[in-house]
C-alpha atoms as a PDB file:
ATOM      1  CA  MET A   1    -151.369  45.444 -47.938  1.00  0.00           C
ATOM      2  CA  SER A   2    -153.171  48.309 -49.711  1.00  0.00           C
ATOM      3  CA  LEU A   3    -150.076  49.962 -51.165  1.00  0.00           C
ATOM      4  CA  ALA A   4    -148.788  46.558 -52.288  1.00  0.00           C
ATOM      5  CA  HIS A   5    -152.040  46.158 -54.225  1.00  0.00           C
ATOM      6  CA  SER A   6    -151.362  49.522 -55.880  1.00  0.00           C
ATOM      7  CA  ILE A   7    -148.029  48.286 -57.204  1.00  0.00           C
ATOM      8  CA  GLY A   8    -149.579  45.028 -58.385  1.00  0.00           C
ATOM      9  CA  LEU A   9    -152.206  46.890 -60.405  1.00  0.00           C
ATOM     10  CA  PHE A  10    -149.380  48.199 -62.604  1.00  0.00           C
ATOM     11  CA  THR A  11    -147.415  44.963 -62.902  1.00  0.00           C
ATOM     12  CA  HIS A  12    -150.111  42.260 -63.101  1.00  0.00           C
ATOM     13  CA  PRO A  13    -153.590  43.869 -62.890  1.00  0.00           C
ATOM     14  CA  ASP A  14    -155.678  40.722 -63.510  1.00  0.00           C
ATOM     15  CA  ARG A  15    -154.000  38.752 -60.750  1.00  0.00           C
ATOM     16  CA  GLU A  16    -154.016  41.740 -58.424  1.00  0.00           C
ATOM     17  CA  TRP A  17    -157.769  42.287 -58.781  1.00  0.00           C
ATOM     18  CA  GLN A  18    -158.202  38.652 -57.725  1.00  0.00           C
ATOM     19  CA  GLU A  19    -155.976  39.290 -54.700  1.00  0.00           C
ATOM     20  CA  ILE A  20    -157.941  42.418 -53.820  1.00  0.00           C
ATOM     21  CA  ARG A  21    -161.171  40.424 -53.925  1.00  0.00           C
ATOM     22  CA  LYS A  22    -159.709  37.719 -51.665  1.00  0.00           C
ATOM     23  CA  ASP A  23    -158.190  40.276 -49.294  1.00  0.00           C
ATOM     24  CA  SER A  24    -161.645  41.839 -48.725  1.00  0.00           C
ATOM     25  CA  GLU A  25    -160.362  44.912 -46.857  1.00  0.00           C
ATOM     26  CA  SER A  26    -162.578  46.783 -44.431  1.00  0.00           C
ATOM     27  CA  LEU A  27    -163.459  50.374 -45.307  1.00  0.00           C
ATOM     28  CA  PRO A  28    -161.286  51.936 -42.552  1.00  0.00           C
ATOM     29  CA  ARG A  29    -158.302  49.779 -43.562  1.00  0.00           C
ATOM     30  CA  LEU A  30    -158.776  50.699 -47.231  1.00  0.00           C
ATOM     31  CA  TYR A  31    -158.941  54.407 -46.419  1.00  0.00           C
ATOM     32  CA  PHE A  32    -156.076  54.520 -43.930  1.00  0.00           C
ATOM     33  CA  GLY A  33    -153.861  52.193 -45.954  1.00  0.00           C
ATOM     34  CA  HIS A  34    -154.547  53.567 -49.416  1.00  0.00           C
ATOM     35  CA  VAL A  35    -156.919  56.476 -50.046  1.00  0.00           C
ATOM     36  CA  LEU A  36    -155.810  58.920 -47.339  1.00  0.00           C
ATOM     37  CA  LEU A  37    -152.132  58.368 -48.190  1.00  0.00           C
ATOM     38  CA  LEU A  38    -152.310  58.546 -51.987  1.00  0.00           C
ATOM     39  CA  ALA A  39    -154.724  61.502 -51.946  1.00  0.00           C
ATOM     40  CA  LEU A  40    -151.946  63.487 -50.239  1.00  0.00           C
ATOM     41  CA  ILE A  41    -149.837  63.295 -53.420  1.00  0.00           C
ATOM     42  CA  PRO A  42    -151.902  65.644 -55.629  1.00  0.00           C
ATOM     43  CA  ALA A  43    -152.772  67.890 -52.661  1.00  0.00           C
ATOM     44  CA  ILE A  44    -149.164  68.424 -51.516  1.00  0.00           C
ATOM     45  CA  ALA A  45    -147.858  68.641 -55.087  1.00  0.00           C
ATOM     46  CA  SER A  46    -150.468  71.294 -55.874  1.00  0.00           C
ATOM     47  CA  TYR A  47    -149.393  73.310 -52.837  1.00  0.00           C
ATOM     48  CA  ILE A  48    -145.738  73.156 -53.885  1.00  0.00           C
ATOM     49  CA  GLY A  49    -146.506  73.969 -57.502  1.00  0.00           C
ATOM     50  CA  THR A  50    -148.748  76.941 -56.797  1.00  0.00           C
ATOM     51  CA  THR A  51    -146.628  78.526 -54.040  1.00  0.00           C
ATOM     52  CA  GLN A  52    -143.009  77.676 -54.921  1.00  0.00           C
ATOM     53  CA  VAL A  53    -142.893  77.103 -58.689  1.00  0.00           C
ATOM     54  CA  GLY A  54    -145.804  79.064 -60.119  1.00  0.00           C
ATOM     55  CA  TRP A  55    -147.136  78.972 -63.661  1.00  0.00           C
ATOM     56  CA  GLN A  56    -147.220  81.150 -66.758  1.00  0.00           C
ATOM     57  CA  ILE A  57    -149.727  81.660 -69.523  1.00  0.00           C
ATOM     58  CA  GLY A  58    -147.749  82.227 -72.711  1.00  0.00           C
ATOM     59  CA  ASP A  59    -145.044  84.849 -72.090  1.00  0.00           C
ATOM     60  CA  GLY A  60    -147.017  86.391 -69.253  1.00  0.00           C
ATOM     61  CA  GLN A  61    -146.001  87.025 -65.686  1.00  0.00           C
ATOM     62  CA  LEU A  62    -145.208  84.144 -63.332  1.00  0.00           C
ATOM     63  CA  ILE A  63    -148.278  83.496 -61.182  1.00  0.00           C
ATOM     64  CA  LYS A  64    -148.182  82.128 -57.634  1.00  0.00           C
ATOM     65  CA  LEU A  65    -150.679  81.779 -54.811  1.00  0.00           C
ATOM     66  CA  THR A  66    -150.190  82.984 -51.258  1.00  0.00           C
ATOM     67  CA  PRO A  67    -149.334  80.126 -48.857  1.00  0.00           C
ATOM     68  CA  PHE A  68    -152.602  80.513 -46.916  1.00  0.00           C
ATOM     69  CA  SER A  69    -154.748  80.576 -50.049  1.00  0.00           C
ATOM     70  CA  ALA A  70    -152.960  77.567 -51.531  1.00  0.00           C
ATOM     71  CA  ALA A  71    -153.223  75.622 -48.261  1.00  0.00           C
ATOM     72  CA  SER A  72    -156.964  76.326 -48.003  1.00  0.00           C
ATOM     73  CA  LEU A  73    -157.607  75.222 -51.588  1.00  0.00           C
ATOM     74  CA  CYS A  74    -155.421  72.120 -51.219  1.00  0.00           C
ATOM     75  CA  VAL A  75    -157.268  71.039 -48.068  1.00  0.00           C
ATOM     76  CA  LEU A  76    -160.572  71.421 -49.956  1.00  0.00           C
ATOM     77  CA  PHE A  77    -159.051  69.490 -52.885  1.00  0.00           C
ATOM     78  CA  TYR A  78    -157.915  66.705 -50.541  1.00  0.00           C
ATOM     79  CA  GLY A  79    -161.375  66.486 -48.995  1.00  0.00           C
ATOM     80  CA  ALA A  80    -163.016  66.435 -52.434  1.00  0.00           C
ATOM     81  CA  ILE A  81    -160.835  63.489 -53.536  1.00  0.00           C
ATOM     82  CA  ILE A  82    -161.662  61.476 -50.419  1.00  0.00           C
ATOM     83  CA  ALA A  83    -165.391  62.228 -50.635  1.00  0.00           C
ATOM     84  CA  SER A  84    -165.567  61.569 -54.390  1.00  0.00           C
ATOM     85  CA  ILE A  85    -164.057  58.089 -54.068  1.00  0.00           C
ATOM     86  CA  TYR A  86    -166.541  57.199 -51.328  1.00  0.00           C
ATOM     87  CA  ILE A  87    -169.578  58.596 -53.191  1.00  0.00           C
ATOM     88  CA  LEU A  88    -168.617  56.894 -56.457  1.00  0.00           C
ATOM     89  CA  GLY A  89    -168.121  53.639 -54.547  1.00  0.00           C
ATOM     90  CA  ARG A  90    -171.599  53.894 -53.068  1.00  0.00           C
ATOM     91  CA  PHE A  91    -173.046  54.507 -56.528  1.00  0.00           C
ATOM     92  CA  ILE A  92    -171.310  51.325 -57.699  1.00  0.00           C
ATOM     93  CA  ASP A  93    -172.839  49.360 -54.809  1.00  0.00           C
ATOM     94  CA  PHE A  94    -176.248  50.863 -55.566  1.00  0.00           C
ATOM     95  CA  PHE A  95    -176.100  49.756 -59.220  1.00  0.00           C
ATOM     96  CA  ALA A  96    -174.675  46.309 -58.411  1.00  0.00           C
ATOM     97  CA  ALA A  97    -178.040  44.536 -58.152  1.00  0.00           C
ATOM     98  CA  THR A  98    -179.078  45.896 -61.560  1.00  0.00           C
ATOM     99  CA  TYR A  99    -176.169  44.060 -63.169  1.00  0.00           C
ATOM    100  CA  GLY A 100    -176.727  40.782 -61.348  1.00  0.00           C
ATOM    101  CA  VAL A 101    -174.003  41.058 -58.718  1.00  0.00           C
ATOM    102  CA  ALA A 102    -174.591  38.457 -56.001  1.00  0.00           C
ATOM    103  CA  GLN A 103    -175.346  39.726 -52.516  1.00  0.00           C
ATOM    104  CA  GLY A 104    -172.297  39.777 -50.296  1.00  0.00           C
ATOM    105  CA  LYS A 105    -169.569  42.184 -49.263  1.00  0.00           C
ATOM    106  CA  PRO A 106    -169.945  45.464 -51.193  1.00  0.00           C
ATOM    107  CA  PHE A 107    -166.848  46.179 -53.299  1.00  0.00           C
ATOM    108  CA  GLY A 108    -167.874  49.570 -54.709  1.00  0.00           C
ATOM    109  CA  VAL A 109    -165.570  51.780 -52.643  1.00  0.00           C
ATOM    110  CA  THR A 110    -162.730  49.286 -53.115  1.00  0.00           C
ATOM    111  CA  LEU A 111    -163.171  49.426 -56.889  1.00  0.00           C
ATOM    112  CA  ALA A 112    -163.359  53.235 -56.897  1.00  0.00           C
ATOM    113  CA  ALA A 113    -160.274  53.568 -54.678  1.00  0.00           C
ATOM    114  CA  TYR A 114    -158.000  51.240 -56.631  1.00  0.00           C
ATOM    115  CA  THR A 115    -159.223  52.469 -60.014  1.00  0.00           C
ATOM    116  CA  ALA A 116    -158.297  56.015 -58.966  1.00  0.00           C
ATOM    117  CA  THR A 117    -154.710  54.977 -58.155  1.00  0.00           C
ATOM    118  CA  PRO A 118    -153.139  56.113 -61.479  1.00  0.00           C
ATOM    119  CA  LEU A 119    -154.864  59.502 -61.200  1.00  0.00           C
ATOM    120  CA  LEU A 120    -153.673  60.016 -57.643  1.00  0.00           C
ATOM    121  CA  LEU A 121    -150.102  59.060 -58.528  1.00  0.00           C
ATOM    122  CA  ALA A 122    -150.140  61.333 -61.589  1.00  0.00           C
ATOM    123  CA  GLY A 123    -151.029  64.179 -59.234  1.00  0.00           C
ATOM    124  CA  VAL A 124    -147.301  64.517 -58.512  1.00  0.00           C
ATOM    125  CA  SER A 125    -147.069  66.469 -61.791  1.00  0.00           C
ATOM    126  CA  ALA A 126    -148.899  69.357 -60.089  1.00  0.00           C
ATOM    127  CA  ALA A 127    -145.606  70.187 -58.345  1.00  0.00           C
ATOM    128  CA  TYR A 128    -144.481  71.566 -61.708  1.00  0.00           C
ATOM    129  CA  PRO A 129    -147.619  73.257 -63.081  1.00  0.00           C
ATOM    130  CA  SER A 130    -146.861  73.083 -66.802  1.00  0.00           C
ATOM    131  CA  VAL A 131    -150.070  72.831 -68.829  1.00  0.00           C
ATOM    132  CA  TRP A 132    -148.656  70.388 -71.390  1.00  0.00           C
ATOM    133  CA  LEU A 133    -146.992  68.149 -68.797  1.00  0.00           C
ATOM    134  CA  ASN A 134    -150.109  68.014 -66.642  1.00  0.00           C
ATOM    135  CA  VAL A 135    -152.403  67.329 -69.599  1.00  0.00           C
ATOM    136  CA  LEU A 136    -150.126  64.579 -70.953  1.00  0.00           C
ATOM    137  CA  LEU A 137    -149.714  62.789 -67.625  1.00  0.00           C
ATOM    138  CA  GLY A 138    -153.395  63.315 -66.863  1.00  0.00           C
ATOM    139  CA  LEU A 139    -154.446  61.654 -70.118  1.00  0.00           C
ATOM    140  CA  ILE A 140    -152.099  58.702 -69.552  1.00  0.00           C
ATOM    141  CA  ALA A 141    -153.358  58.275 -65.980  1.00  0.00           C
ATOM    142  CA  MET A 142    -156.997  58.589 -67.045  1.00  0.00           C
ATOM    143  CA  SER A 143    -156.509  55.999 -69.794  1.00  0.00           C
ATOM    144  CA  TYR A 144    -154.985  53.510 -67.374  1.00  0.00           C
ATOM    145  CA  ALA A 145    -157.673  54.187 -64.763  1.00  0.00           C
ATOM    146  CA  VAL A 146    -160.364  53.422 -67.357  1.00  0.00           C
ATOM    147  CA  TYR A 147    -158.483  50.229 -68.294  1.00  0.00           C
ATOM    148  CA  LEU A 148    -158.371  49.197 -64.614  1.00  0.00           C
ATOM    149  CA  LEU A 149    -162.101  49.877 -64.289  1.00  0.00           C
ATOM    150  CA  TYR A 150    -163.070  47.728 -67.272  1.00  0.00           C
ATOM    151  CA  GLU A 151    -160.573  45.020 -66.349  1.00  0.00           C
ATOM    152  CA  GLY A 152    -161.245  44.932 -62.626  1.00  0.00           C
ATOM    153  CA  LEU A 153    -164.994  45.356 -62.295  1.00  0.00           C
ATOM    154  CA  PRO A 154    -166.010  41.916 -63.630  1.00  0.00           C
ATOM    155  CA  ILE A 155    -163.294  40.245 -61.536  1.00  0.00           C
ATOM    156  CA  LEU A 156    -164.138  42.081 -58.326  1.00  0.00           C
ATOM    157  CA  MET A 157    -167.898  41.679 -58.765  1.00  0.00           C
ATOM    158  CA  SER A 158    -167.697  38.087 -60.101  1.00  0.00           C
ATOM    159  CA  ILE A 159    -169.886  38.735 -63.131  1.00  0.00           C
ATOM    160  CA  PRO A 160    -169.409  37.843 -66.831  1.00  0.00           C
ATOM    161  CA  ALA A 161    -167.192  40.172 -68.873  1.00  0.00           C
ATOM    162  CA  GLU A 162    -170.081  41.274 -71.130  1.00  0.00           C
ATOM    163  CA  ARG A 163    -172.193  42.385 -68.169  1.00  0.00           C
ATOM    164  CA  GLY A 164    -169.104  43.886 -66.560  1.00  0.00           C
ATOM    165  CA  PHE A 165    -168.518  46.016 -69.658  1.00  0.00           C
ATOM    166  CA  MET A 166    -171.996  47.566 -69.381  1.00  0.00           C
ATOM    167  CA  PHE A 167    -171.607  48.047 -65.641  1.00  0.00           C
ATOM    168  CA  ALA A 168    -168.189  49.700 -66.063  1.00  0.00           C
ATOM    169  CA  THR A 169    -169.614  52.023 -68.728  1.00  0.00           C
ATOM    170  CA  SER A 170    -172.321  53.119 -66.278  1.00  0.00           C
ATOM    171  CA  VAL A 171    -169.686  53.736 -63.594  1.00  0.00           C
ATOM    172  CA  LEU A 172    -167.584  55.770 -66.027  1.00  0.00           C
ATOM    173  CA  THR A 173    -170.627  57.886 -66.908  1.00  0.00           C
ATOM    174  CA  VAL A 174    -171.372  58.563 -63.237  1.00  0.00           C
ATOM    175  CA  GLY A 175    -167.714  59.457 -62.688  1.00  0.00           C
ATOM    176  CA  LEU A 176    -167.789  62.008 -65.503  1.00  0.00           C
ATOM    177  CA  VAL A 177    -171.011  63.535 -64.156  1.00  0.00           C
ATOM    178  CA  MET A 178    -169.406  63.802 -60.704  1.00  0.00           C
ATOM    179  CA  PHE A 179    -166.376  65.522 -62.246  1.00  0.00           C
ATOM    180  CA  VAL A 180    -168.596  68.138 -63.907  1.00  0.00           C
ATOM    181  CA  ALA A 181    -170.480  68.588 -60.613  1.00  0.00           C
ATOM    182  CA  LEU A 182    -167.174  69.190 -58.801  1.00  0.00           C
ATOM    183  CA  LEU A 183    -166.238  71.851 -61.340  1.00  0.00           C
ATOM    184  CA  ALA A 184    -169.590  73.549 -60.769  1.00  0.00           C
ATOM    185  CA  MET A 185    -169.083  73.384 -56.994  1.00  0.00           C
ATOM    186  CA  THR A 186    -165.645  74.948 -57.428  1.00  0.00           C
ATOM    187  CA  VAL A 187    -167.201  77.926 -59.199  1.00  0.00           C
ATOM    188  CA  VAL A 188    -169.756  78.293 -56.381  1.00  0.00           C
ATOM    189  CA  ILE A 189    -167.076  78.074 -53.668  1.00  0.00           C
ATOM    190  CA  TRP A 190    -164.910  80.640 -55.449  1.00  0.00           C
ATOM    191  CA  SER A 191    -167.892  82.982 -55.754  1.00  0.00           C
ATOM    192  CA  MET A 192    -168.267  82.794 -51.960  1.00  0.00           C
ATOM    193  CA  GLY A 193    -164.816  84.315 -51.531  1.00  0.00           C
ATOM    194  CA  ILE A 194    -162.772  81.147 -50.972  1.00  0.00           C
ATOM    195  CA  GLY A 195    -161.047  81.429 -54.326  1.00  0.00           C
ATOM    196  CA  PRO A 196    -157.324  81.754 -55.040  1.00  0.00           C
ATOM    197  CA  VAL A 197    -155.357  84.745 -53.750  1.00  0.00           C
ATOM    198  CA  TYR A 198    -152.365  85.627 -55.912  1.00  0.00           C
ATOM    199  CA  THR A 199    -149.031  86.946 -54.655  1.00  0.00           C
ATOM    200  CA  ASN A 200    -148.864  89.662 -57.318  1.00  0.00           C
END
């Protein structure tokens, strides 16, 4: 049912968030039916783009990664996506009481997973690593993900829209902080010698 929910979030998001709340998926079912599958899209596309297509900066030389280097980085990328969704979901559950969410089944990871859907799908653009294409699709996906967050949080958590707006803003802030932290971790990992290895 998870992938069907993903489609519904693009065709009728309000109704689909209600269905997601009623469905009340378990964490393993959510991960195996949604997160682990969709997270493969940006990881595999990145591997294809960096090893088979390559990228250029201006009129410079075409740059590609060695297959082993690209595979190592894509596995780390895949793991980072999976972990980030879980951690953000736990932050959402942690903040829930502050915003008056009634005790019951925690929906934090569910919200994080389905909100990330546009970003994961847009990861297919990494198969053709053009800066402008990736930035454009990334901005569109990010905009829709933010829309899903603000639209879905009050529905999933059963709280008034005004309180949901403040809660969603807090979640967005935490998400941005996590993104910056991931960038910092990338620099640290690269400095340890696990950085990209180029073919040329």
